[in-house]
Structures are given as C-alpha cells and as structure tokens.
C-alpha cells in the first residue's frame, strides 16, 4: 500500500483533495471538474481511498467522496520541524516589502517618443 506522501505526489490526486476540501463530491462531478474519463477519476479515487485520504459514502445510486483529515494531520505533523526553512524567508520578505515605498501613481511609459 502506498504512503500518503507517495499518493499526494501525483498532481491530479492533489487536485482531487483540493476539490474535496470544499465539500463532498460525486465521481461524476469530480470527473467533470478534472476533465478526465470516469475510469481515470475512479482510479485516482481508489488510490486515495486505499491510502485513507478519502472515504466514500453511498447514497442510493451515487457514491459521495469526502476528505479524511486524519492522514493529512499526520503529514502536517511531520512537516512541522521543517517549517522554519520557509517561515524565516517569508518573514524576511515581509520585512523587505515593508521597507519599500508605496507606489500609488500608475506606471508611465518612459520610451522615447517616435519622430514623425
């Protein structure tokens, strides 16, 4: 069985998680949003389900997929010690941007005028 890290390495699966973060969705809705075939979408959903990242809820003839936050919390916990690597850089960027003057006038065209 693939780990959550291996599963979310695939961009389409990350897109599915993004869509499910908003609300539960059916296979047909996901297929439409992703621009994939129904079997292609189902294949990605099966991988996500096997990794415990999504769960399926049957409702009559439809199957609703929803996000399972627990494995994502585990990923977040693993990433926590690494946050300093980008948090410090973002703080430095914010300090730098705070020192820059605000530009309120629209940019003007500084090209030399053409002679006629």
PDB file of N, CA and C in Angstrom:
ATOM      1  N   UNK A   1       0.842  -1.174   0.000  1.00  0.00           N
ATOM      2  CA  UNK A   1       0.000   0.000   0.000  1.00  0.00           C
ATOM      3  C   UNK A   1       0.892   1.244   0.000  1.00  0.00           C
ATOM      4  N   UNK A   2       0.518   2.239  -0.801  1.00  0.00           N
ATOM      5  CA  UNK A   2       1.282   3.469  -0.922  1.00  0.00           C
ATOM      6  C   UNK A   2       1.093   4.342   0.314  1.00  0.00           C
ATOM      7  N   UNK A   3       2.126   5.087   0.658  1.00  0.00           N
ATOM      8  CA  UNK A   3       2.031   6.018   1.780  1.00  0.00           C
ATOM      9  C   UNK A   3       1.315   7.288   1.313  1.00  0.00           C
ATOM     10  N   UNK A   4       0.777   8.063   2.246  1.00  0.00           N
ATOM     11  CA  UNK A   4       0.149   9.331   1.848  1.00  0.00           C
ATOM     12  C   UNK A   4       1.100  10.237   1.066  1.00  0.00           C
ATOM     13  N   UNK A   5       2.391  10.229   1.396  1.00  0.00           N
ATOM     14  CA  UNK A   5       3.358  11.038   0.659  1.00  0.00           C
ATOM     15  C   UNK A   5       3.430  10.615  -0.800  1.00  0.00           C
ATOM     16  N   UNK A   6       3.480   9.320  -1.035  1.00  0.00           N
ATOM     17  CA  UNK A   6       3.532   8.813  -2.406  1.00  0.00           C
ATOM     18  C   UNK A   6       2.247   9.144  -3.156  1.00  0.00           C
ATOM     19  N   UNK A   7       1.135   9.051  -2.471  1.00  0.00           N
ATOM     20  CA  UNK A   7      -0.162   9.273  -3.105  1.00  0.00           C
ATOM     21  C   UNK A   7      -0.331  10.733  -3.513  1.00  0.00           C
ATOM     22  N   UNK A   8       0.031  11.663  -2.642  1.00  0.00           N
ATOM     23  CA  UNK A   8      -0.176  13.076  -2.967  1.00  0.00           C
ATOM     24  C   UNK A   8       0.921  13.647  -3.858  1.00  0.00           C
ATOM     25  N   UNK A   9       1.911  12.830  -4.192  1.00  0.00           N
ATOM     26  CA  UNK A   9       2.934  13.290  -5.133  1.00  0.00           C
ATOM     27  C   UNK A   9       2.351  13.483  -6.531  1.00  0.00           C
ATOM     28  N   UNK A  10       1.241  12.848  -6.817  1.00  0.00           N
ATOM     29  CA  UNK A  10       0.611  12.939  -8.136  1.00  0.00           C
ATOM     30  C   UNK A  10      -0.305  14.162  -8.184  1.00  0.00           C
ATOM     31  N   UNK A  11      -0.079  15.092  -9.138  1.00  0.00           N
ATOM     32  CA  UNK A  11      -0.844  16.352  -9.179  1.00  0.00           C
ATOM     33  C   UNK A  11      -2.360  16.186  -9.282  1.00  0.00           C
ATOM     34  N   UNK A  12      -2.842  15.205 -10.019  1.00  0.00           N
ATOM     35  CA  UNK A  12      -4.292  15.020 -10.142  1.00  0.00           C
ATOM     36  C   UNK A  12      -4.900  14.654  -8.796  1.00  0.00           C
ATOM     37  N   UNK A  13      -4.212  13.867  -8.024  1.00  0.00           N
ATOM     38  CA  UNK A  13      -4.728  13.487  -6.703  1.00  0.00           C
ATOM     39  C   UNK A  13      -4.744  14.680  -5.760  1.00  0.00           C
ATOM     40  N   UNK A  14      -3.746  15.547  -5.869  1.00  0.00           N
ATOM     41  CA  UNK A  14      -3.771  16.770  -5.056  1.00  0.00           C
ATOM     42  C   UNK A  14      -4.950  17.646  -5.461  1.00  0.00           C
ATOM     43  N   UNK A  15      -5.254  17.697  -6.754  1.00  0.00           N
ATOM     44  CA  UNK A  15      -6.400  18.484  -7.231  1.00  0.00           C
ATOM     45  C   UNK A  15      -7.707  17.907  -6.683  1.00  0.00           C
ATOM     46  N   UNK A  16      -7.809  16.581  -6.639  1.00  0.00           N
ATOM     47  CA  UNK A  16      -8.997  15.939  -6.070  1.00  0.00           C
ATOM     48  C   UNK A  16      -9.133  16.326  -4.596  1.00  0.00           C
ATOM     49  N   UNK A  17      -8.042  16.282  -3.854  1.00  0.00           N
ATOM     50  CA  UNK A  17      -8.091  16.669  -2.440  1.00  0.00           C
ATOM     51  C   UNK A  17      -8.517  18.125  -2.299  1.00  0.00           C
ATOM     52  N   UNK A  18      -8.021  18.991  -3.187  1.00  0.00           N
ATOM     53  CA  UNK A  18      -8.429  20.402  -3.155  1.00  0.00           C
ATOM     54  C   UNK A  18      -9.932  20.539  -3.367  1.00  0.00           C
ATOM     55  N   UNK A  19     -10.473  19.796  -4.319  1.00  0.00           N
ATOM     56  CA  UNK A  19     -11.909  19.858  -4.591  1.00  0.00           C
ATOM     57  C   UNK A  19     -12.726  19.311  -3.418  1.00  0.00           C
ATOM     58  N   UNK A  20     -12.245  18.238  -2.818  1.00  0.00           N
ATOM     59  CA  UNK A  20     -12.964  17.639  -1.691  1.00  0.00           C
ATOM     60  C   UNK A  20     -12.826  18.462  -0.420  1.00  0.00           C
ATOM     61  N   UNK A  21     -11.828  19.308  -0.359  1.00  0.00           N
ATOM     62  CA  UNK A  21     -11.683  20.197   0.799  1.00  0.00           C
ATOM     63  C   UNK A  21     -12.881  21.141   0.882  1.00  0.00           C
ATOM     64  N   UNK A  22     -13.421  21.511  -0.274  1.00  0.00           N
ATOM     65  CA  UNK A  22     -14.568  22.421  -0.321  1.00  0.00           C
ATOM     66  C   UNK A  22     -15.844  21.743   0.164  1.00  0.00           C
ATOM     67  N   UNK A  23     -16.062  20.484  -0.290  1.00  0.00           N
ATOM     68  CA  UNK A  23     -17.274  19.744   0.075  1.00  0.00           C
ATOM     69  C   UNK A  23     -17.205  18.353  -0.540  1.00  0.00           C
ATOM     70  N   UNK A  24     -18.019  17.413  -0.055  1.00  0.00           N
ATOM     71  CA  UNK A  24     -18.073  16.090  -0.687  1.00  0.00           C
ATOM     72  C   UNK A  24     -18.560  16.214  -2.132  1.00  0.00           C
ATOM     73  N   UNK A  25     -18.071  15.315  -2.976  1.00  0.00           N
ATOM     74  CA  UNK A  25     -18.442  15.357  -4.388  1.00  0.00           C
ATOM     75  C   UNK A  25     -18.642  13.943  -4.920  1.00  0.00           C
ATOM     76  N   UNK A  26     -19.455  13.855  -5.961  1.00  0.00           N
ATOM     77  CA  UNK A  26     -19.672  12.564  -6.623  1.00  0.00           C
ATOM     78  C   UNK A  26     -18.567  12.331  -7.649  1.00  0.00           C
ATOM     79  N   UNK A  27     -18.456  11.084  -8.096  1.00  0.00           N
ATOM     80  CA  UNK A  27     -17.475  10.744  -9.123  1.00  0.00           C
ATOM     81  C   UNK A  27     -17.728  11.558 -10.389  1.00  0.00           C
ATOM     82  N   UNK A  28     -18.996  11.690 -10.767  1.00  0.00           N
ATOM     83  CA  UNK A  28     -19.317  12.437 -11.988  1.00  0.00           C
ATOM     84  C   UNK A  28     -18.886  13.899 -11.872  1.00  0.00           C
ATOM     85  N   UNK A  29     -19.128  14.502 -10.737  1.00  0.00           N
ATOM     86  CA  UNK A  29     -18.738  15.894 -10.546  1.00  0.00           C
ATOM     87  C   UNK A  29     -17.220  16.054 -10.592  1.00  0.00           C
ATOM     88  N   UNK A  30     -16.505  15.141  -9.946  1.00  0.00           N
ATOM     89  CA  UNK A  30     -15.048  15.184  -9.982  1.00  0.00           C
ATOM     90  C   UNK A  30     -14.533  14.984 -11.407  1.00  0.00           C
ATOM     91  N   UNK A  31     -15.146  14.051 -12.115  1.00  0.00           N
ATOM     92  CA  UNK A  31     -14.747  13.784 -13.496  1.00  0.00           C
ATOM     93  C   UNK A  31     -14.882  15.046 -14.344  1.00  0.00           C
ATOM     94  N   UNK A  32     -15.990  15.733 -14.169  1.00  0.00           N
ATOM     95  CA  UNK A  32     -16.229  16.965 -14.924  1.00  0.00           C
ATOM     96  C   UNK A  32     -15.217  18.045 -14.559  1.00  0.00           C
ATOM     97  N   UNK A  33     -14.956  18.217 -13.280  1.00  0.00           N
ATOM     98  CA  UNK A  33     -14.020  19.244 -12.815  1.00  0.00           C
ATOM     99  C   UNK A  33     -12.588  18.963 -13.269  1.00  0.00           C
ATOM    100  N   UNK A  34     -12.217  17.697 -13.306  1.00  0.00           N
ATOM    101  CA  UNK A  34     -10.847  17.318 -13.643  1.00  0.00           C
ATOM    102  C   UNK A  34     -10.603  17.198 -15.143  1.00  0.00           C
ATOM    103  N   UNK A  35     -11.680  17.001 -15.903  1.00  0.00           N
ATOM    104  CA  UNK A  35     -11.512  16.800 -17.332  1.00  0.00           C
ATOM    105  C   UNK A  35     -10.933  15.431 -17.670  1.00  0.00           C
ATOM    106  N   UNK A  36     -11.180  14.466 -16.815  1.00  0.00           N
ATOM    107  CA  UNK A  36     -10.701  13.094 -17.031  1.00  0.00           C
ATOM    108  C   UNK A  36     -11.866  12.207 -17.432  1.00  0.00           C
ATOM    109  N   UNK A  37     -11.543  10.984 -17.812  1.00  0.00           N
ATOM    110  CA  UNK A  37     -12.587   9.995 -18.033  1.00  0.00           C
ATOM    111  C   UNK A  37     -13.070   9.497 -16.669  1.00  0.00           C
ATOM    112  N   UNK A  38     -14.259   8.914 -16.634  1.00  0.00           N
ATOM    113  CA  UNK A  38     -14.779   8.382 -15.371  1.00  0.00           C
ATOM    114  C   UNK A  38     -13.870   7.277 -14.829  1.00  0.00           C
ATOM    115  N   UNK A  39     -13.391   6.337 -15.684  1.00  0.00           N
ATOM    116  CA  UNK A  39     -12.474   5.315 -15.149  1.00  0.00           C
ATOM    117  C   UNK A  39     -11.164   5.919 -14.614  1.00  0.00           C
ATOM    118  N   UNK A  40     -10.681   6.971 -15.269  1.00  0.00           N
ATOM    119  CA  UNK A  40      -9.455   7.620 -14.791  1.00  0.00           C
ATOM    120  C   UNK A  40      -9.656   8.260 -13.430  1.00  0.00           C
ATOM    121  N   UNK A  41     -10.778   8.944 -13.263  1.00  0.00           N
ATOM    122  CA  UNK A  41     -11.096   9.562 -11.969  1.00  0.00           C
ATOM    123  C   UNK A  41     -11.255   8.494 -10.897  1.00  0.00           C
ATOM    124  N   UNK A  42     -11.962   7.416 -11.233  1.00  0.00           N
ATOM    125  CA  UNK A  42     -12.175   6.333 -10.266  1.00  0.00           C
ATOM    126  C   UNK A  42     -10.855   5.696  -9.843  1.00  0.00           C
ATOM    127  N   UNK A  43      -9.916   5.590 -10.757  1.00  0.00           N
ATOM    128  CA  UNK A  43      -8.608   5.015 -10.432  1.00  0.00           C
ATOM    129  C   UNK A  43      -7.903   5.878  -9.387  1.00  0.00           C
ATOM    130  N   UNK A  44      -7.910   7.204  -9.586  1.00  0.00           N
ATOM    131  CA  UNK A  44      -7.282   8.096  -8.613  1.00  0.00           C
ATOM    132  C   UNK A  44      -8.004   8.039  -7.274  1.00  0.00           C
ATOM    133  N   UNK A  45      -9.324   7.989  -7.300  1.00  0.00           N
ATOM    134  CA  UNK A  45     -10.100   7.908  -6.058  1.00  0.00           C
ATOM    135  C   UNK A  45      -9.811   6.616  -5.302  1.00  0.00           C
ATOM    136  N   UNK A  46      -9.619   5.526  -6.023  1.00  0.00           N
ATOM    137  CA  UNK A  46      -9.300   4.252  -5.379  1.00  0.00           C
ATOM    138  C   UNK A  46      -7.954   4.352  -4.657  1.00  0.00           C
ATOM    139  N   UNK A  47      -6.966   4.980  -5.294  1.00  0.00           N
ATOM    140  CA  UNK A  47      -5.649   5.142  -4.661  1.00  0.00           C
ATOM    141  C   UNK A  47      -5.769   6.017  -3.412  1.00  0.00           C
ATOM    142  N   UNK A  48      -6.521   7.107  -3.521  1.00  0.00           N
ATOM    143  CA  UNK A  48      -6.728   7.989  -2.370  1.00  0.00           C
ATOM    144  C   UNK A  48      -7.468   7.274  -1.240  1.00  0.00           C
ATOM    145  N   UNK A  49      -8.447   6.457  -1.599  1.00  0.00           N
ATOM    146  CA  UNK A  49      -9.220   5.712  -0.599  1.00  0.00           C
ATOM    147  C   UNK A  49      -8.334   4.665   0.079  1.00  0.00           C
ATOM    148  N   UNK A  50      -7.542   3.950  -0.707  1.00  0.00           N
ATOM    149  CA  UNK A  50      -6.658   2.924  -0.139  1.00  0.00           C
ATOM    150  C   UNK A  50      -5.627   3.530   0.818  1.00  0.00           C
ATOM    151  N   UNK A  51      -5.239   4.773   0.565  1.00  0.00           N
ATOM    152  CA  UNK A  51      -4.278   5.450   1.438  1.00  0.00           C
ATOM    153  C   UNK A  51      -4.958   6.097   2.639  1.00  0.00           C
ATOM    154  N   UNK A  52      -6.300   6.029   2.694  1.00  0.00           N
ATOM    155  CA  UNK A  52      -7.038   6.588   3.820  1.00  0.00           C
ATOM    156  C   UNK A  52      -7.246   8.088   3.742  1.00  0.00           C
ATOM    157  N   UNK A  53      -6.996   8.686   2.582  1.00  0.00           N
ATOM    158  CA  UNK A  53      -7.132  10.134   2.443  1.00  0.00           C
ATOM    159  C   UNK A  53      -8.554  10.576   2.111  1.00  0.00           C
ATOM    160  N   UNK A  54      -9.353   9.658   1.560  1.00  0.00           N
ATOM    161  CA  UNK A  54     -10.764   9.951   1.289  1.00  0.00           C
ATOM    162  C   UNK A  54     -11.602   8.760   1.737  1.00  0.00           C
ATOM    163  N   UNK A  55     -12.870   9.025   1.971  1.00  0.00           N
ATOM    164  CA  UNK A  55     -13.817   7.944   2.270  1.00  0.00           C
ATOM    165  C   UNK A  55     -14.992   8.105   1.321  1.00  0.00           C
ATOM    166  N   UNK A  56     -15.684   7.015   1.097  1.00  0.00           N
ATOM    167  CA  UNK A  56     -16.832   7.029   0.192  1.00  0.00           C
ATOM    168  C   UNK A  56     -18.089   6.765   1.000  1.00  0.00           C
ATOM    169  N   UNK A  57     -19.138   7.495   0.640  1.00  0.00           N
ATOM    170  CA  UNK A  57     -20.426   7.340   1.310  1.00  0.00           C
ATOM    171  C   UNK A  57     -21.472   7.045   0.241  1.00  0.00           C
ATOM    172  N   UNK A  58     -21.997   5.818   0.220  1.00  0.00           N
ATOM    173  CA  UNK A  58     -23.041   5.502  -0.760  1.00  0.00           C
ATOM    174  C   UNK A  58     -24.341   6.225  -0.417  1.00  0.00           C
ATOM    175  N   UNK A  59     -25.025   6.690  -1.452  1.00  0.00           N
ATOM    176  CA  UNK A  59     -26.319   7.350  -1.293  1.00  0.00           C
ATOM    177  C   UNK A  59     -27.153   6.966  -2.508  1.00  0.00           C
ATOM    178  N   UNK A  60     -27.982   5.929  -2.336  1.00  0.00           N
ATOM    179  CA  UNK A  60     -28.769   5.363  -3.444  1.00  0.00           C
ATOM    180  C   UNK A  60     -27.799   4.931  -4.551  1.00  0.00           C
ATOM    181  N   UNK A  61     -27.940   5.483  -5.737  1.00  0.00           N
ATOM    182  CA  UNK A  61     -27.077   5.093  -6.853  1.00  0.00           C
ATOM    183  C   UNK A  61     -25.769   5.883  -6.918  1.00  0.00           C
ATOM    184  N   UNK A  62     -25.640   6.899  -6.102  1.00  0.00           N
ATOM    185  CA  UNK A  62     -24.433   7.734  -6.125  1.00  0.00           C
ATOM    186  C   UNK A  62     -23.474   7.334  -5.023  1.00  0.00           C
ATOM    187  N   UNK A  63     -22.224   7.669  -5.263  1.00  0.00           N
ATOM    188  CA  UNK A  63     -21.189   7.481  -4.258  1.00  0.00           C
ATOM    189  C   UNK A  63     -20.548   8.848  -4.038  1.00  0.00           C
ATOM    190  N   UNK A  64     -20.599   9.332  -2.811  1.00  0.00           N
ATOM    191  CA  UNK A  64     -20.042  10.626  -2.462  1.00  0.00           C
ATOM    192  C   UNK A  64     -18.675  10.429  -1.823  1.00  0.00           C
ATOM    193  N   UNK A  65     -17.705  11.173  -2.322  1.00  0.00           N
ATOM    194  CA  UNK A  65     -16.353  11.112  -1.774  1.00  0.00           C
ATOM    195  C   UNK A  65     -16.117  12.342  -0.916  1.00  0.00           C
ATOM    196  N   UNK A  66     -15.483  12.097   0.248  1.00  0.00           N
ATOM    197  CA  UNK A  66     -15.170  13.200   1.143  1.00  0.00           C
ATOM    198  C   UNK A  66     -13.778  13.009   1.714  1.00  0.00           C
ATOM    199  N   UNK A  67     -13.210  14.098   2.131  1.00  0.00           N
ATOM    200  CA  UNK A  67     -11.857  14.136   2.655  1.00  0.00           C
ATOM    201  C   UNK A  67     -11.788  13.505   4.037  1.00  0.00           C
ATOM    202  N   UNK A  68     -10.720  12.782   4.294  1.00  0.00           N
ATOM    203  CA  UNK A  68     -10.417  12.257   5.631  1.00  0.00           C
ATOM    204  C   UNK A  68      -9.230  13.067   6.162  1.00  0.00           C
ATOM    205  N   UNK A  69      -9.448  13.923   7.131  1.00  0.00           N
ATOM    206  CA  UNK A  69      -8.378  14.823   7.567  1.00  0.00           C
ATOM    207  C   UNK A  69      -7.268  14.173   8.393  1.00  0.00           C
ATOM    208  N   UNK A  70      -7.514  13.021   8.981  1.00  0.00           N
ATOM    209  CA  UNK A  70      -6.522  12.427   9.881  1.00  0.00           C
ATOM    210  C   UNK A  70      -5.162  12.174   9.216  1.00  0.00           C
ATOM    211  N   UNK A  71      -5.092  11.518   8.049  1.00  0.00           N
ATOM    212  CA  UNK A  71      -3.771  11.316   7.439  1.00  0.00           C
ATOM    213  C   UNK A  71      -3.093  12.637   7.060  1.00  0.00           C
ATOM    214  N   UNK A  72      -3.893  13.652   6.721  1.00  0.00           N
ATOM    215  CA  UNK A  72      -3.312  14.949   6.393  1.00  0.00           C
ATOM    216  C   UNK A  72      -2.733  15.604   7.642  1.00  0.00           C
ATOM    217  N   UNK A  73      -3.350  15.377   8.789  1.00  0.00           N
ATOM    218  CA  UNK A  73      -2.812  15.893  10.051  1.00  0.00           C
ATOM    219  C   UNK A  73      -1.463  15.230  10.349  1.00  0.00           C
ATOM    220  N   UNK A  74      -1.340  13.955  10.021  1.00  0.00           N
ATOM    221  CA  UNK A  74      -0.067  13.259  10.203  1.00  0.00           C
ATOM    222  C   UNK A  74       1.013  13.870   9.311  1.00  0.00           C
ATOM    223  N   UNK A  75       0.655  14.183   8.060  1.00  0.00           N
ATOM    224  CA  UNK A  75       1.607  14.828   7.150  1.00  0.00           C
ATOM    225  C   UNK A  75       2.017  16.196   7.692  1.00  0.00           C
ATOM    226  N   UNK A  76       1.038  16.935   8.183  1.00  0.00           N
ATOM    227  CA  UNK A  76       1.310  18.253   8.743  1.00  0.00           C
ATOM    228  C   UNK A  76       2.249  18.146   9.940  1.00  0.00           C
ATOM    229  N   UNK A  77       2.022  17.178  10.803  1.00  0.00           N
ATOM    230  CA  UNK A  77       2.882  16.986  11.969  1.00  0.00           C
ATOM    231  C   UNK A  77       4.309  16.651  11.539  1.00  0.00           C
ATOM    232  N   UNK A  78       4.443  15.860  10.494  1.00  0.00           N
ATOM    233  CA  UNK A  78       5.778  15.509  10.009  1.00  0.00           C
ATOM    234  C   UNK A  78       6.480  16.741   9.449  1.00  0.00           C
ATOM    235  N   UNK A  79       5.740  17.628   8.792  1.00  0.00           N
ATOM    236  CA  UNK A  79       6.330  18.828   8.190  1.00  0.00           C
ATOM    237  C   UNK A  79       6.690  19.906   9.204  1.00  0.00           C
ATOM    238  N   UNK A  80       6.091  19.874  10.377  1.00  0.00           N
ATOM    239  CA  UNK A  80       6.273  20.933  11.374  1.00  0.00           C
ATOM    240  C   UNK A  80       7.734  21.285  11.626  1.00  0.00           C
ATOM    241  N   UNK A  81       8.638  20.335  11.841  1.00  0.00           N
ATOM    242  CA  UNK A  81      10.030  20.716  12.113  1.00  0.00           C
ATOM    243  C   UNK A  81      10.732  21.391  10.926  1.00  0.00           C
ATOM    244  N   UNK A  82      10.162  21.278   9.741  1.00  0.00           N
ATOM    245  CA  UNK A  82      10.775  21.855   8.547  1.00  0.00           C
ATOM    246  C   UNK A  82      10.255  23.251   8.231  1.00  0.00           C
ATOM    247  N   UNK A  83       9.216  23.680   8.911  1.00  0.00           N
ATOM    248  CA  UNK A  83       8.589  24.979   8.605  1.00  0.00           C
ATOM    249  C   UNK A  83       9.543  26.155   8.764  1.00  0.00           C
ATOM    250  N   UNK A  84      10.494  26.048   9.661  1.00  0.00           N
ATOM    251  CA  UNK A  84      11.433  27.149   9.864  1.00  0.00           C
ATOM    252  C   UNK A  84      12.161  27.505   8.576  1.00  0.00           C
ATOM    253  N   UNK A  85      12.331  26.525   7.711  1.00  0.00           N
ATOM    254  CA  UNK A  85      13.093  26.760   6.479  1.00  0.00           C
ATOM    255  C   UNK A  85      12.402  27.773   5.575  1.00  0.00           C
ATOM    256  N   UNK A  86      11.076  27.775   5.522  1.00  0.00           N
ATOM    257  CA  UNK A  86      10.403  28.749   4.678  1.00  0.00           C
ATOM    258  C   UNK A  86       9.775  29.877   5.490  1.00  0.00           C
ATOM    259  N   UNK A  87       9.470  29.633   6.750  1.00  0.00           N
ATOM    260  CA  UNK A  87       8.852  30.688   7.561  1.00  0.00           C
ATOM    261  C   UNK A  87       9.801  31.870   7.717  1.00  0.00           C
ATOM    262  N   UNK A  88      11.075  31.622   7.970  1.00  0.00           N
ATOM    263  CA  UNK A  88      12.055  32.700   8.109  1.00  0.00           C
ATOM    264  C   UNK A  88      12.197  33.493   6.824  1.00  0.00           C
ATOM    265  N   UNK A  89      12.162  32.815   5.714  1.00  0.00           N
ATOM    266  CA  UNK A  89      12.274  33.513   4.433  1.00  0.00           C
ATOM    267  C   UNK A  89      11.056  34.374   4.152  1.00  0.00           C
ATOM    268  N   UNK A  90       9.884  33.879   4.495  1.00  0.00           N
ATOM    269  CA  UNK A  90       8.674  34.675   4.305  1.00  0.00           C
ATOM    270  C   UNK A  90       8.670  35.895   5.216  1.00  0.00           C
ATOM    271  N   UNK A  91       9.163  35.721   6.449  1.00  0.00           N
ATOM    272  CA  UNK A  91       9.259  36.859   7.367  1.00  0.00           C
ATOM    273  C   UNK A  91      10.234  37.901   6.822  1.00  0.00           C
ATOM    274  N   UNK A  92      11.372  37.438   6.267  1.00  0.00           N
ATOM    275  CA  UNK A  92      12.347  38.367   5.695  1.00  0.00           C
ATOM    276  C   UNK A  92      11.751  39.105   4.499  1.00  0.00           C
ATOM    277  N   UNK A  93      10.999  38.410   3.672  1.00  0.00           N
ATOM    278  CA  UNK A  93      10.352  39.050   2.526  1.00  0.00           C
ATOM    279  C   UNK A  93       9.361  40.105   3.007  1.00  0.00           C
ATOM    280  N   UNK A  94       8.587  39.791   4.028  1.00  0.00           N
ATOM    281  CA  UNK A  94       7.630  40.761   4.559  1.00  0.00           C
ATOM    282  C   UNK A  94       8.344  42.002   5.080  1.00  0.00           C
ATOM    283  N   UNK A  95       9.462  41.806   5.816  1.00  0.00           N
ATOM    284  CA  UNK A  95      10.220  42.959   6.320  1.00  0.00           C
ATOM    285  C   UNK A  95      10.754  43.802   5.170  1.00  0.00           C
ATOM    286  N   UNK A  96      11.245  43.145   4.125  1.00  0.00           N
ATOM    287  CA  UNK A  96      11.763  43.863   2.960  1.00  0.00           C
ATOM    288  C   UNK A  96      10.655  44.657   2.273  1.00  0.00           C
ATOM    289  N   UNK A  97       9.508  44.030   2.077  1.00  0.00           N
ATOM    290  CA  UNK A  97       8.396  44.726   1.428  1.00  0.00           C
ATOM    291  C   UNK A  97       7.904  45.895   2.271  1.00  0.00           C
ATOM    292  N   UNK A  98       7.976  45.778   3.580  1.00  0.00           N
ATOM    293  CA  UNK A  98       7.565  46.870   4.458  1.00  0.00           C
ATOM    294  C   UNK A  98       8.482  48.085   4.329  1.00  0.00           C
ATOM    295  N   UNK A  99       9.737  47.874   3.933  1.00  0.00           N
ATOM    296  CA  UNK A  99      10.671  48.993   3.785  1.00  0.00           C
ATOM    297  C   UNK A  99      10.561  49.679   2.437  1.00  0.00           C
ATOM    298  N   UNK A 100       9.874  49.074   1.496  1.00  0.00           N
ATOM    299  CA  UNK A 100       9.750  49.653   0.162  1.00  0.00           C
ATOM    300  C   UNK A 100       8.685  50.746   0.163  1.00  0.00           C
ATOM    301  N   UNK A 101       8.912  51.801  -0.621  1.00  0.00           N
ATOM    302  CA  UNK A 101       7.889  52.847  -0.696  1.00  0.00           C
ATOM    303  C   UNK A 101       6.654  52.334  -1.426  1.00  0.00           C
ATOM    304  N   UNK A 102       5.506  52.846  -0.991  1.00  0.00           N
ATOM    305  CA  UNK A 102       4.259  52.506  -1.674  1.00  0.00           C
ATOM    306  C   UNK A 102       4.192  53.263  -2.985  1.00  0.00           C
ATOM    307  N   UNK A 103       3.778  52.591  -4.018  1.00  0.00           N
ATOM    308  CA  UNK A 103       3.622  53.220  -5.321  1.00  0.00           C
ATOM    309  C   UNK A 103       2.131  53.422  -5.529  1.00  0.00           C
ATOM    310  N   UNK A 104       1.726  54.698  -5.601  1.00  0.00           N
ATOM    311  CA  UNK A 104       0.298  54.978  -5.755  1.00  0.00           C
ATOM    312  C   UNK A 104      -0.032  55.512  -7.136  1.00  0.00           C
ATOM    313  N   UNK A 105       0.988  55.993  -7.862  1.00  0.00           N
ATOM    314  CA  UNK A 105       0.735  56.513  -9.198  1.00  0.00           C
ATOM    315  C   UNK A 105       0.852  55.383 -10.209  1.00  0.00           C
ATOM    316  N   UNK A 106       0.025  55.418 -11.264  1.00  0.00           N
ATOM    317  CA  UNK A 106       0.152  54.380 -12.287  1.00  0.00           C
ATOM    318  C   UNK A 106       1.480  54.523 -13.023  1.00  0.00           C
ATOM    319  N   UNK A 107       1.981  53.451 -13.501  1.00  0.00           N
ATOM    320  CA  UNK A 107       3.236  53.467 -14.251  1.00  0.00           C
ATOM    321  C   UNK A 107       3.058  54.272 -15.525  1.00  0.00           C
ATOM    322  N   UNK A 108       4.105  54.995 -15.880  1.00  0.00           N
ATOM    323  CA  UNK A 108       4.045  55.773 -17.116  1.00  0.00           C
ATOM    324  C   UNK A 108       4.974  55.160 -18.132  1.00  0.00           C
ATOM    325  N   UNK A 109       4.693  55.428 -19.375  1.00  0.00           N
ATOM    326  CA  UNK A 109       5.514  54.926 -20.470  1.00  0.00           C
ATOM    327  C   UNK A 109       6.735  55.820 -20.592  1.00  0.00           C
ATOM    328  N   UNK A 110       7.933  55.262 -20.389  1.00  0.00           N
ATOM    329  CA  UNK A 110       9.165  56.051 -20.430  1.00  0.00           C
ATOM    330  C   UNK A 110       9.938  55.845 -21.731  1.00  0.00           C
ATOM    331  N   UNK A 111       9.326  55.242 -22.720  1.00  0.00           N
ATOM    332  CA  UNK A 111      10.011  55.056 -24.003  1.00  0.00           C
ATOM    333  C   UNK A 111      10.122  56.394 -24.709  1.00  0.00           C
ATOM    334  N   UNK A 112      11.232  56.596 -25.432  1.00  0.00           N
ATOM    335  CA  UNK A 112      11.354  57.860 -26.184  1.00  0.00           C
ATOM    336  C   UNK A 112      10.265  57.955 -27.248  1.00  0.00           C
ATOM    337  N   UNK A 113       9.832  59.174 -27.476  1.00  0.00           N
ATOM    338  CA  UNK A 113       8.801  59.377 -28.485  1.00  0.00           C
ATOM    339  C   UNK A 113       9.371  59.149 -29.869  1.00  0.00           C
ATOM    340  N   UNK A 114       8.541  58.633 -30.737  1.00  0.00           N
ATOM    341  CA  UNK A 114       8.973  58.401 -32.114  1.00  0.00           C
ATOM    342  C   UNK A 114       8.853  59.707 -32.896  1.00  0.00           C
ATOM    343  N   UNK A 115       9.842  59.942 -33.775  1.00  0.00           N
ATOM    344  CA  UNK A 115       9.795  61.116 -34.644  1.00  0.00           C
ATOM    345  C   UNK A 115       8.943  60.793 -35.842  1.00  0.00           C
ATOM    346  N   UNK A 116       8.163  61.749 -36.236  1.00  0.00           N
ATOM    347  CA  UNK A 116       7.284  61.514 -37.395  1.00  0.00           C
ATOM    348  C   UNK A 116       7.825  62.146 -38.626  1.00  0.00           C
TER     349      UNK A 116
END
